[in-house]
C-alpha atoms as a PDB file:
ATOM      1  CA  MET A   1      13.210 -16.583 -99.784  1.00  0.00           C
ATOM      2  CA  HIS A   2      11.795 -18.450 -97.081  1.00  0.00           C
ATOM      3  CA  SER A   3      10.295 -15.281 -93.633  1.00  0.00           C
ATOM      4  CA  GLN A   4      12.330 -16.215 -90.098  1.00  0.00           C
ATOM      5  CA  ARG A   5       9.509 -16.422 -87.448  1.00  0.00           C
ATOM      6  CA  LEU A   6      10.873 -15.443 -83.909  1.00  0.00           C
ATOM      7  CA  ILE A   7       9.828 -18.534 -81.558  1.00  0.00           C
ATOM      8  CA  VAL A   8       9.618 -16.886 -77.708  1.00  0.00           C
ATOM      9  CA  ARG A   9       9.388 -19.980 -75.264  1.00  0.00           C
ATOM     10  CA  GLY A  10       7.983 -19.512 -71.798  1.00  0.00           C
ATOM     11  CA  PRO A  11       6.912 -16.086 -70.873  1.00  0.00           C
ATOM     12  CA  ARG A  12       8.996 -12.260 -71.617  1.00  0.00           C
ATOM     13  CA  THR A  13      11.155 -11.827 -68.672  1.00  0.00           C
ATOM     14  CA  ALA A  14      11.974  -8.059 -67.878  1.00  0.00           C
ATOM     15  CA  ASN A  15      16.239  -8.931 -68.793  1.00  0.00           C
ATOM     16  CA  THR A  16      14.354  -9.880 -72.439  1.00  0.00           C
ATOM     17  CA  LEU A  17      13.509  -6.246 -72.925  1.00  0.00           C
ATOM     18  CA  LYS A  18      15.519  -4.460 -74.212  1.00  0.00           C
ATOM     19  CA  LYS A  19      17.714  -1.379 -71.579  1.00  0.00           C
ATOM     20  CA  PHE A  20      15.869   0.975 -71.028  1.00  0.00           C
ATOM     21  CA  SER A  21      12.741   1.375 -72.275  1.00  0.00           C
ATOM     22  CA  ILE A  22       9.191   2.144 -71.369  1.00  0.00           C
ATOM     23  CA  SER A  23       8.911  -1.245 -69.256  1.00  0.00           C
ATOM     24  CA  ASP A  24      12.138  -1.324 -67.946  1.00  0.00           C
ATOM     25  CA  ARG A  25      11.938  -0.047 -64.464  1.00  0.00           C
ATOM     26  CA  GLU A  26      15.844   0.749 -63.359  1.00  0.00           C
ATOM     27  CA  ILE A  27      14.872   3.602 -66.019  1.00  0.00           C
ATOM     28  CA  LEU A  28      13.572   4.909 -62.747  1.00  0.00           C
ATOM     29  CA  ASP A  29      16.430   5.596 -61.246  1.00  0.00           C
ATOM     30  CA  LYS A  30      18.217   6.364 -63.975  1.00  0.00           C
ATOM     31  CA  ARG A  31      19.593  10.138 -63.179  1.00  0.00           C
ATOM     32  CA  VAL A  32      20.791  12.476 -65.601  1.00  0.00           C
ATOM     33  CA  LYS A  33      23.682  14.032 -64.780  1.00  0.00           C
ATOM     34  CA  THR A  34      24.582  16.940 -63.961  1.00  0.00           C
ATOM     35  CA  ASN A  35      26.154  20.441 -65.749  1.00  0.00           C
ATOM     36  CA  PRO A  36      29.356  21.201 -63.808  1.00  0.00           C
ATOM     37  CA  ARG A  37      29.481  25.048 -65.048  1.00  0.00           C
ATOM     38  CA  TYR A  38      25.929  25.741 -64.148  1.00  0.00           C
ATOM     39  CA  ALA A  39      26.808  24.251 -60.834  1.00  0.00           C
ATOM     40  CA  GLY A  40      26.710  26.907 -58.867  1.00  0.00           C
ATOM     41  CA  VAL A  41      23.616  28.908 -60.303  1.00  0.00           C
ATOM     42  CA  ARG A  42      20.719  28.882 -57.257  1.00  0.00           C
ATOM     43  CA  PRO A  43      17.267  29.734 -58.494  1.00  0.00           C
ATOM     44  CA  ARG A  44      16.065  33.471 -58.695  1.00  0.00           C
ATOM     45  CA  THR A  45      12.491  32.770 -56.893  1.00  0.00           C
ATOM     46  CA  ASP A  46      12.424  33.131 -53.209  1.00  0.00           C
ATOM     47  CA  THR A  47      10.121  30.522 -51.572  1.00  0.00           C
ATOM     48  CA  GLY A  48      10.682  30.401 -48.643  1.00  0.00           C
ATOM     49  CA  PHE A  49      12.435  28.394 -46.475  1.00  0.00           C
ATOM     50  CA  ASN A  50      11.063  25.325 -48.210  1.00  0.00           C
ATOM     51  CA  THR A  51      11.450  20.988 -47.757  1.00  0.00           C
ATOM     52  CA  GLN A  52      14.949  21.375 -49.097  1.00  0.00           C
ATOM     53  CA  ARG A  53      16.476  24.214 -47.182  1.00  0.00           C
ATOM     54  CA  ARG A  54      15.210  22.445 -44.024  1.00  0.00           C
ATOM     55  CA  GLN A  55      17.281  19.319 -45.225  1.00  0.00           C
ATOM     56  CA  GLU A  56      19.548  21.615 -46.078  1.00  0.00           C
ATOM     57  CA  LEU A  57      19.277  23.360 -42.615  1.00  0.00           C
ATOM     58  CA  GLU A  58      19.543  19.921 -40.968  1.00  0.00           C
ATOM     59  CA  HIS A  59      22.739  18.133 -42.676  1.00  0.00           C
ATOM     60  CA  GLU A  60      24.594  21.259 -41.498  1.00  0.00           C
ATOM     61  CA  ILE A  61      23.663  20.808 -37.391  1.00  0.00           C
ATOM     62  CA  ARG A  62      23.882  17.716 -37.350  1.00  0.00           C
ATOM     63  CA  LYS A  63      27.600  17.969 -39.028  1.00  0.00           C
ATOM     64  CA  TYR A  64      28.400  20.352 -36.595  1.00  0.00           C
ATOM     65  CA  TYR A  65      27.085  20.499 -33.670  1.00  0.00           C
ATOM     66  CA  LYS A  66      26.497  16.950 -31.179  1.00  0.00           C
ATOM     67  CA  VAL A  67      24.360  17.525 -29.013  1.00  0.00           C
ATOM     68  CA  ARG A  68      23.791  16.039 -25.938  1.00  0.00           C
ATOM     69  CA  ASN A  69      20.288  16.472 -23.402  1.00  0.00           C
ATOM     70  CA  ASP A  70      22.878  15.712 -20.358  1.00  0.00           C
ATOM     71  CA  GLU A  71      25.207  18.382 -20.637  1.00  0.00           C
ATOM     72  CA  VAL A  72      26.042  18.985 -17.214  1.00  0.00           C
ATOM     73  CA  PHE A  73      28.370  22.125 -18.946  1.00  0.00           C
ATOM     74  CA  ARG A  74      26.987  25.900 -20.768  1.00  0.00           C
ATOM     75  CA  ARG A  75      28.385  26.545 -25.098  1.00  0.00           C
ATOM     76  CA  ILE A  76      28.666  29.792 -26.190  1.00  0.00           C
ATOM     77  CA  SER A  77      27.545  30.577 -29.854  1.00  0.00           C
ATOM     78  CA  LEU A  78      30.783  31.215 -32.769  1.00  0.00           C
ATOM     79  CA  ALA A  79      28.979  34.701 -32.748  1.00  0.00           C
ATOM     80  CA  ASP A  80      28.865  35.264 -29.438  1.00  0.00           C
ATOM     81  CA  LEU A  81      32.923  35.063 -28.683  1.00  0.00           C
ATOM     82  CA  LEU A  82      33.793  36.738 -32.427  1.00  0.00           C
ATOM     83  CA  GLN A  83      31.402  39.352 -30.938  1.00  0.00           C
ATOM     84  CA  LEU A  84      33.897  39.731 -27.558  1.00  0.00           C
ATOM     85  CA  MET A  85      36.530  39.366 -29.796  1.00  0.00           C
ATOM     86  CA  VAL A  86      35.506  42.648 -32.079  1.00  0.00           C
ATOM     87  CA  ALA A  87      34.837  44.663 -28.980  1.00  0.00           C
ATOM     88  CA  HIS A  88      38.012  43.705 -26.995  1.00  0.00           C
ATOM     89  CA  ALA A  89      39.574  44.995 -29.513  1.00  0.00           C
ATOM     90  CA  GLU A  90      37.907  48.291 -30.310  1.00  0.00           C
ATOM     91  CA  ASP A  91      37.999  49.258 -26.376  1.00  0.00           C
ATOM     92  CA  VAL A  92      42.048  48.081 -26.882  1.00  0.00           C
ATOM     93  CA  GLU A  93      42.708  50.109 -29.548  1.00  0.00           C
ATOM     94  CA  ALA A  94      40.843  53.306 -28.497  1.00  0.00           C
ATOM     95  CA  ALA A  95      42.622  53.373 -25.453  1.00  0.00           C
ATOM     96  CA  SER A  96      45.625  53.273 -27.339  1.00  0.00           C
ATOM     97  CA  ARG A  97      44.979  56.913 -28.839  1.00  0.00           C
ATOM     98  CA  ILE A  98      44.334  58.319 -25.461  1.00  0.00           C
ATOM     99  CA  PRO A  99      47.964  58.969 -24.325  1.00  0.00           C
ATOM    100  CA  TYR A 100      48.348  60.469 -27.675  1.00  0.00           C
ATOM    101  CA  GLU A 101      45.501  62.337 -27.631  1.00  0.00           C
ATOM    102  CA  THR A 102      46.859  63.591 -24.419  1.00  0.00           C
ATOM    103  CA  GLU A 103      50.104  64.584 -24.663  1.00  0.00           C
ATOM    104  CA  GLY A 104      49.889  68.555 -25.314  1.00  0.00           C
ATOM    105  CA  ASP A 105      48.832  68.619 -21.749  1.00  0.00           C
ATOM    106  CA  SER A 106      50.308  71.555 -20.012  1.00  0.00           C
ATOM    107  CA  SER A 107      50.461  69.443 -16.884  1.00  0.00           C
ATOM    108  CA  GLU A 108      53.480  67.452 -18.044  1.00  0.00           C
ATOM    109  CA  ALA A 109      54.900  70.491 -18.043  1.00  0.00           C
ATOM    110  CA  GLU A 110      55.542  71.463 -14.336  1.00  0.00           C
ATOM    111  CA  VAL A 111      57.942  68.665 -13.977  1.00  0.00           C
ATOM    112  CA  PRO A 112      61.096  70.201 -15.329  1.00  0.00           C
ATOM    113  CA  ILE A 113      62.439  67.961 -18.378  1.00  0.00           C
ATOM    114  CA  LYS A 114      65.706  66.541 -15.647  1.00  0.00           C
ATOM    115  CA  TYR A 115      63.952  65.093 -12.634  1.00  0.00           C
ATOM    116  CA  ARG A 116      60.768  63.654 -15.653  1.00  0.00           C
ATOM    117  CA  ASP A 117      62.455  60.339 -15.024  1.00  0.00           C
ATOM    118  CA  GLU A 118      63.228  60.668 -11.740  1.00  0.00           C
ATOM    119  CA  VAL A 119      59.982  60.954 -10.422  1.00  0.00           C
ATOM    120  CA  GLU A 120      58.381  58.132 -13.182  1.00  0.00           C
ATOM    121  CA  ASN A 121      60.464  55.905 -11.487  1.00  0.00           C
ATOM    122  CA  VAL A 122      59.339  56.732  -8.272  1.00  0.00           C
ATOM    123  CA  VAL A 123      55.450  56.347  -9.257  1.00  0.00           C
ATOM    124  CA  HIS A 124      56.200  52.841 -11.144  1.00  0.00           C
ATOM    125  CA  LYS A 125      58.160  51.653  -7.554  1.00  0.00           C
ATOM    126  CA  MET A 126      55.085  53.185  -5.392  1.00  0.00           C
ATOM    127  CA  ASP A 127      52.701  51.205  -8.480  1.00  0.00           C
ATOM    128  CA  GLN A 128      54.206  48.081  -7.778  1.00  0.00           C
ATOM    129  CA  LEU A 129      53.942  47.740  -3.547  1.00  0.00           C
ATOM    130  CA  GLU A 130      50.292  48.927  -4.169  1.00  0.00           C
ATOM    131  CA  MET A 131      50.295  45.988  -7.115  1.00  0.00           C
ATOM    132  CA  GLU A 132      52.318  44.182  -4.422  1.00  0.00           C
ATOM    133  CA  GLY A 133      50.402  40.963  -3.080  1.00  0.00           C
ATOM    134  CA  LYS A 134      47.693  40.845  -4.845  1.00  0.00           C
ATOM    135  CA  ALA A 135      46.135  39.473  -8.355  1.00  0.00           C
ATOM    136  CA  LYS A 136      46.719  40.756 -11.416  1.00  0.00           C
ATOM    137  CA  ILE A 137      43.449  40.811 -13.300  1.00  0.00           C
ATOM    138  CA  PRO A 138      43.992  40.310 -16.888  1.00  0.00           C
ATOM    139  CA  GLU A 139      43.095  43.242 -19.442  1.00  0.00           C
ATOM    140  CA  CYS A 140      41.350  40.199 -22.061  1.00  0.00           C
ATOM    141  CA  PRO A 141      38.205  39.473 -21.146  1.00  0.00           C
ATOM    142  CA  TYR A 142      38.050  35.599 -22.179  1.00  0.00           C
ATOM    143  CA  LEU A 143      40.955  33.159 -23.338  1.00  0.00           C
ATOM    144  CA  ILE A 144      40.122  30.459 -26.040  1.00  0.00           C
ATOM    145  CA  ILE A 145      41.723  27.110 -24.589  1.00  0.00           C
ATOM    146  CA  ASP A 146      42.477  24.635 -27.916  1.00  0.00           C
ATOM    147  CA  VAL A 147      42.434  21.297 -26.347  1.00  0.00           C
ATOM    148  CA  ARG A 148      43.783  20.032 -29.192  1.00  0.00           C
ATOM    149  CA  PRO A 149      47.228  18.802 -29.545  1.00  0.00           C
ATOM    150  CA  HIS A 150      50.732  20.897 -29.942  1.00  0.00           C
ATOM    151  CA  LEU A 151      51.013  20.365 -33.637  1.00  0.00           C
ATOM    152  CA  GLU A 152      48.240  20.084 -35.392  1.00  0.00           C
ATOM    153  CA  TYR A 153      47.835  23.755 -32.759  1.00  0.00           C
ATOM    154  CA  ARG A 154      50.897  24.827 -34.953  1.00  0.00           C
ATOM    155  CA  THR A 155      49.574  23.519 -38.502  1.00  0.00           C
ATOM    156  CA  SER A 156      46.006  26.179 -37.359  1.00  0.00           C
ATOM    157  CA  HIS A 157      44.014  27.314 -34.816  1.00  0.00           C
ATOM    158  CA  ILE A 158      41.669  30.569 -33.749  1.00  0.00           C
ATOM    159  CA  ALA A 159      42.862  33.430 -32.984  1.00  0.00           C
ATOM    160  CA  THR A 160      45.066  33.950 -29.606  1.00  0.00           C
ATOM    161  CA  ALA A 161      43.512  30.682 -28.291  1.00  0.00           C
ATOM    162  CA  VAL A 162      46.134  29.017 -26.396  1.00  0.00           C
ATOM    163  CA  CYS A 163      47.387  25.660 -26.286  1.00  0.00           C
ATOM    164  CA  HIS A 164      46.061  22.806 -23.646  1.00  0.00           C
ATOM    165  CA  PRO A 165      46.195  19.813 -25.099  1.00  0.00           C
ATOM    166  CA  HIS A 166      43.704  17.369 -23.346  1.00  0.00           C
ATOM    167  CA  ALA A 167      45.849  14.594 -22.126  1.00  0.00           C
ATOM    168  CA  ARG A 168      47.484  17.624 -19.232  1.00  0.00           C
ATOM    169  CA  LEU A 169      44.343  17.089 -17.601  1.00  0.00           C
ATOM    170  CA  SER A 170      46.079  13.362 -16.386  1.00  0.00           C
ATOM    171  CA  ARG A 171      48.272  14.825 -14.843  1.00  0.00           C
ATOM    172  CA  ALA A 172      48.474  14.188 -11.145  1.00  0.00           C
ATOM    173  CA  VAL A 173      50.182  17.363 -10.494  1.00  0.00           C
ATOM    174  CA  GLY A 174      50.447  20.240 -13.140  1.00  0.00           C
ATOM    175  CA  TRP A 175      47.585  19.262 -14.858  1.00  0.00           C
ATOM    176  CA  GLU A 176      46.820  23.046 -15.354  1.00  0.00           C
ATOM    177  CA  CYS A 177      48.110  26.109 -17.609  1.00  0.00           C
ATOM    178  CA  PRO A 178      49.302  29.450 -16.516  1.00  0.00           C
ATOM    179  CA  ALA A 179      47.296  30.409 -18.553  1.00  0.00           C
ATOM    180  CA  LEU A 180      43.766  28.541 -16.513  1.00  0.00           C
ATOM    181  CA  LEU A 181      45.480  29.885 -13.560  1.00  0.00           C
ATOM    182  CA  THR A 182      45.335  33.745 -14.086  1.00  0.00           C
ATOM    183  CA  TYR A 183      41.368  33.362 -16.047  1.00  0.00           C
ATOM    184  CA  LYS A 184      39.912  30.958 -13.163  1.00  0.00           C
ATOM    185  CA  ASN A 185      36.453  31.912 -11.461  1.00  0.00           C
ATOM    186  CA  LEU A 186      36.869  35.423 -12.663  1.00  0.00           C
ATOM    187  CA  SER A 187      34.037  37.649 -12.607  1.00  0.00           C
ATOM    188  CA  GLU A 188      34.694  39.751 -15.555  1.00  0.00           C
ATOM    189  CA  SER A 189      36.115  36.698 -17.356  1.00  0.00           C
ATOM    190  CA  ILE A 190      35.446  33.969 -19.436  1.00  0.00           C
ATOM    191  CA  ILE A 191      37.136  30.452 -20.720  1.00  0.00           C
ATOM    192  CA  ILE A 192      36.183  29.253 -24.123  1.00  0.00           C
ATOM    193  CA  VAL A 193      37.300  25.160 -25.108  1.00  0.00           C
ATOM    194  CA  TYR A 194      36.688  23.895 -28.766  1.00  0.00           C
ATOM    195  CA  ASP A 195      38.448  21.279 -30.435  1.00  0.00           C
ATOM    196  CA  ASP A 196      37.702  20.341 -34.483  1.00  0.00           C
ATOM    197  CA  GLY A 197      33.950  18.659 -33.905  1.00  0.00           C
ATOM    198  CA  GLU A 198      33.067  18.457 -30.311  1.00  0.00           C
ATOM    199  CA  ASP A 199      35.055  14.790 -29.810  1.00  0.00           C
ATOM    200  CA  VAL A 200      37.177  15.553 -27.129  1.00  0.00           C
ATOM    201  CA  ALA A 201      36.015  20.015 -26.296  1.00  0.00           C
ATOM    202  CA  PRO A 202      33.072  18.013 -24.391  1.00  0.00           C
ATOM    203  CA  GLU A 203      34.877  16.158 -21.803  1.00  0.00           C
ATOM    204  CA  VAL A 204      37.249  18.393 -20.879  1.00  0.00           C
ATOM    205  CA  THR A 205      34.965  21.530 -20.600  1.00  0.00           C
ATOM    206  CA  ALA A 206      32.841  19.258 -17.820  1.00  0.00           C
ATOM    207  CA  THR A 207      36.301  17.770 -16.226  1.00  0.00           C
ATOM    208  CA  LEU A 208      36.958  21.343 -15.405  1.00  0.00           C
ATOM    209  CA  GLN A 209      33.585  22.121 -14.299  1.00  0.00           C
ATOM    210  CA  HIS A 210      33.882  19.796 -11.950  1.00  0.00           C
ATOM    211  CA  ARG A 211      37.487  20.565 -10.893  1.00  0.00           C
ATOM    212  CA  GLY A 212      36.166  24.067  -9.626  1.00  0.00           C
ATOM    213  CA  TYR A 213      35.999  26.393 -12.513  1.00  0.00           C
ATOM    214  CA  ASP A 214      32.820  28.291 -12.711  1.00  0.00           C
ATOM    215  CA  ASN A 215      33.224  30.425 -15.595  1.00  0.00           C
ATOM    216  CA  VAL A 216      34.418  27.884 -18.450  1.00  0.00           C
ATOM    217  CA  PHE A 217      32.196  27.182 -21.273  1.00  0.00           C
ATOM    218  CA  MET A 218      32.598  25.361 -24.920  1.00  0.00           C
ATOM    219  CA  LEU A 219      32.168  26.893 -28.075  1.00  0.00           C
ATOM    220  CA  SER A 220      29.834  25.139 -30.181  1.00  0.00           C
ATOM    221  CA  GLY A 221      30.808  23.887 -33.400  1.00  0.00           C
ATOM    222  CA  GLY A 222      34.452  23.615 -32.872  1.00  0.00           C
ATOM    223  CA  LEU A 223      37.190  25.770 -35.151  1.00  0.00           C
ATOM    224  CA  ASN A 224      35.600  23.538 -38.372  1.00  0.00           C
ATOM    225  CA  LEU A 225      32.409  25.914 -37.839  1.00  0.00           C
ATOM    226  CA  ALA A 226      34.422  28.641 -37.531  1.00  0.00           C
ATOM    227  CA  LYS A 227      36.912  27.555 -40.887  1.00  0.00           C
ATOM    228  CA  ASP A 228      34.287  26.634 -43.018  1.00  0.00           C
ATOM    229  CA  LYS A 229      32.574  29.879 -42.324  1.00  0.00           C
ATOM    230  CA  PHE A 230      35.110  32.439 -42.049  1.00  0.00           C
ATOM    231  CA  GLY A 231      38.173  31.320 -42.777  1.00  0.00           C
ATOM    232  CA  PHE A 232      41.748  33.823 -42.689  1.00  0.00           C
ATOM    233  CA  PRO A 233      41.841  36.052 -40.456  1.00  0.00           C
ATOM    234  CA  LEU A 234      39.926  33.854 -37.993  1.00  0.00           C
ATOM    235  CA  VAL A 235      41.836  30.654 -38.703  1.00  0.00           C
ATOM    236  CA  SER A 236      45.470  30.641 -39.132  1.00  0.00           C
ATOM    237  CA  ASP A 237      49.138  30.306 -37.849  1.00  0.00           C
ATOM    238  CA  ASP A 238      49.685  33.050 -36.189  1.00  0.00           C
ATOM    239  CA  THR A 239      50.440  32.820 -31.986  1.00  0.00           C
ATOM    240  CA  ALA A 240      49.998  36.155 -30.703  1.00  0.00           C
ATOM    241  CA  ARG A 241      47.723  36.322 -28.183  1.00  0.00           C
ATOM    242  CA  THR A 242      46.108  40.062 -28.945  1.00  0.00           C
ATOM    243  CA  LEU A 243      43.880  40.669 -32.053  1.00  0.00           C
ATOM    244  CA  ASN A 244      45.141  43.745 -34.288  1.00  0.00           C
ATOM    245  CA  PRO A 245      43.180  46.632 -36.051  1.00  0.00           C
ATOM    246  CA  GLN A 246      43.029  45.553 -39.013  1.00  0.00           C
ATOM    247  CA  VAL A 247      42.314  41.305 -38.105  1.00  0.00           C
ATOM    248  CA  ALA A 248      39.380  42.704 -35.888  1.00  0.00           C
ATOM    249  CA  ASP A 249      37.977  44.573 -39.338  1.00  0.00           C
ATOM    250  CA  ALA A 250      37.880  41.769 -41.286  1.00  0.00           C
ATOM    251  CA  ILE A 251      36.043  39.346 -38.819  1.00  0.00           C
ATOM    252  CA  SER A 252      32.746  42.124 -37.937  1.00  0.00           C
ATOM    253  CA  GLN A 253      32.894  42.462 -41.647  1.00  0.00           C
ATOM    254  CA  GLN A 254      32.417  38.468 -42.561  1.00  0.00           C
ATOM    255  CA  LEU A 255      30.430  38.477 -39.286  1.00  0.00           C
ATOM    256  CA  SER A 256      27.821  40.973 -40.333  1.00  0.00           C
ATOM    257  CA  HIS A 257      27.540  38.714 -44.050  1.00  0.00           C
ATOM    258  CA  THR A 258      27.294  35.285 -42.407  1.00  0.00           C
ATOM    259  CA  VAL A 259      24.132  34.047 -39.737  1.00  0.00           C
ATOM    260  CA  LEU A 260      25.758  30.749 -38.779  1.00  0.00           C
ATOM    261  CA  PRO A 261      23.481  27.641 -37.927  1.00  0.00           C
ATOM    262  CA  PRO A 262      21.287  27.135 -34.537  1.00  0.00           C
ATOM    263  CA  LEU A 263      21.995  24.745 -31.912  1.00  0.00           C
ATOM    264  CA  SER A 264      18.601  22.582 -33.262  1.00  0.00           C
ATOM    265  CA  MET A 265      15.860  22.795 -35.778  1.00  0.00           C
ATOM    266  CA  ALA A 266      13.555  24.607 -33.227  1.00  0.00           C
ATOM    267  CA  ASP A 267      15.078  27.555 -33.932  1.00  0.00           C
ATOM    268  CA  ALA A 268      14.571  27.114 -37.410  1.00  0.00           C
ATOM    269  CA  SER A 269      11.910  29.083 -38.018  1.00  0.00           C
ATOM    270  CA  GLU A 270      14.117  32.265 -36.501  1.00  0.00           C
ATOM    271  CA  TRP A 271      16.991  30.986 -38.143  1.00  0.00           C
ATOM    272  CA  TRP A 272      15.177  31.496 -41.788  1.00  0.00           C
ATOM    273  CA  ALA A 273      14.174  35.262 -40.534  1.00  0.00           C
ATOM    274  CA  ALA A 274      17.603  36.320 -39.484  1.00  0.00           C
ATOM    275  CA  ALA A 275      18.514  34.892 -42.748  1.00  0.00           C
ATOM    276  CA  SER A 276      16.340  36.006 -45.515  1.00  0.00           C
ATOM    277  CA  LYS A 277      16.873  39.052 -43.690  1.00  0.00           C
ATOM    278  CA  LEU A 278      20.781  39.336 -45.103  1.00  0.00           C
ATOM    279  CA  PRO A 279      21.022  40.508 -49.176  1.00  0.00           C
ATOM    280  CA  SER A 280      21.221  37.280 -51.761  1.00  0.00           C
ATOM    281  CA  PRO A 281      24.931  35.939 -52.318  1.00  0.00           C
ATOM    282  CA  THR A 282      25.158  37.649 -56.462  1.00  0.00           C
ATOM    283  CA  THR A 283      24.964  34.906 -58.911  1.00  0.00           C
ATOM    284  CA  PRO A 284      26.661  35.246 -62.357  1.00  0.00           C
ATOM    285  CA  THR A 285      24.618  36.186 -65.500  1.00  0.00           C
ATOM    286  CA  ASP A 286      27.288  35.380 -67.731  1.00  0.00           C
ATOM    287  CA  SER A 287      27.563  31.553 -69.336  1.00  0.00           C
ATOM    288  CA  GLY A 288      30.861  31.571 -69.992  1.00  0.00           C
ATOM    289  CA  ILE A 289      31.774  32.271 -65.791  1.00  0.00           C
ATOM    290  CA  THR A 290      32.144  28.984 -64.367  1.00  0.00           C
ATOM    291  CA  THR A 291      32.811  29.861 -60.634  1.00  0.00           C
ATOM    292  CA  THR A 292      30.892  28.001 -58.243  1.00  0.00           C
ATOM    293  CA  THR A 293      29.169  29.496 -54.827  1.00  0.00           C
ATOM    294  CA  SER A 294      28.875  27.683 -51.689  1.00  0.00           C
ATOM    295  CA  SER A 295      25.293  26.536 -51.245  1.00  0.00           C
ATOM    296  CA  THR A 296      25.028  27.845 -48.244  1.00  0.00           C
ATOM    297  CA  GLY A 297      26.495  30.773 -46.658  1.00  0.00           C
ATOM    298  CA  ARG A 298      23.793  31.994 -44.585  1.00  0.00           C
ATOM    299  CA  HIS A 299      23.126  30.741 -41.208  1.00  0.00           C
ATOM    300  CA  THR A 300      23.229  32.121 -37.466  1.00  0.00           C
ATOM    301  CA  SER A 301      23.649  32.138 -33.935  1.00  0.00           C
ATOM    302  CA  ARG A 302      21.634  32.089 -31.350  1.00  0.00           C
ATOM    303  CA  SER A 303      23.179  35.233 -30.051  1.00  0.00           C
ATOM    304  CA  GLN A 304      21.316  36.723 -33.182  1.00  0.00           C
ATOM    305  CA  LEU A 305      18.562  35.773 -32.660  1.00  0.00           C
ATOM    306  CA  LYS A 306      15.460  37.612 -30.732  1.00  0.00           C
ATOM    307  CA  SER A 307      13.418  36.155 -28.790  1.00  0.00           C
ATOM    308  CA  LYS A 308       9.051  37.563 -29.144  1.00  0.00           C
ATOM    309  CA  ASP A 309       9.316  40.814 -26.791  1.00  0.00           C
ATOM    310  CA  GLY A 310      12.650  42.045 -28.879  1.00  0.00           C
ATOM    311  CA  GLN A 311      15.007  40.472 -25.938  1.00  0.00           C
ATOM    312  CA  PRO A 312      18.390  38.698 -27.914  1.00  0.00           C
ATOM    313  CA  LEU A 313      18.668  34.921 -27.030  1.00  0.00           C
ATOM    314  CA  ARG A 314      20.970  34.425 -24.192  1.00  0.00           C
ATOM    315  CA  PRO A 315      24.097  32.812 -25.983  1.00  0.00           C
ATOM    316  CA  TRP A 316      24.810  29.471 -24.445  1.00  0.00           C
ATOM    317  CA  ARG A 317      22.292  26.507 -23.940  1.00  0.00           C
END
């Protein structure tokens, strides 16, 4: 038998080589498949604010915030709004307990029982005459305005929010809802405007400020940030205007274990200082557990950061 001879005509190119051989450059682009079983496992060695965490923070800032240099309105962080909501709910709960604690006071026994209803009726009419002609000051120190359409508002919204679609501002008459008129320019109350992801809320906030609203703020991050970082019960379809104590306690617990992203990378070092103080999430040790944890669950807002002198930073830019 004659041995077969391999005759190569012309120079050998990359197409004639075997795929994924040593000389094949496509092997550099080959990606190793990740095992979904270990997708939630995080490294235990703390390497500090490294490049990977910096890139994750930059991605979240671009995802939730759309900060512009020519903004004429003020911002408020989600953490500051939640702290205000929880503090007001605690004050309302504490005030509701006062009548029950003073129910056994001996001063009420001075009025006979058969005349008590008449006395209370007279006192009520006197209070009405005293308050007549005066503007009613709302008990809640904040008003949350949802500028999305009614259908999206009924699906999910932030607790205690009021629906005021942004299309209503184009009306010549009746572009203000009663809630806006009640809270307009109150010295001890603020108005917070939000939408899904800072698409329409900046324009609405600037329009309200141009039309004479001095106490209006825009919620940084909008509903997307609240839904991703907190979820239920902060975001639901409940149309109640008051925050019940159970929801306030749940929000307070979530807020104590959550750090929100800052508005810009200028506060990245302060963000990492606040995030590193939180307890690290526990990773599953059993190899049979396939439950994955969130990739970044520690983020901060400007209100949770402190300056060099120990004073808290302003919640708005």
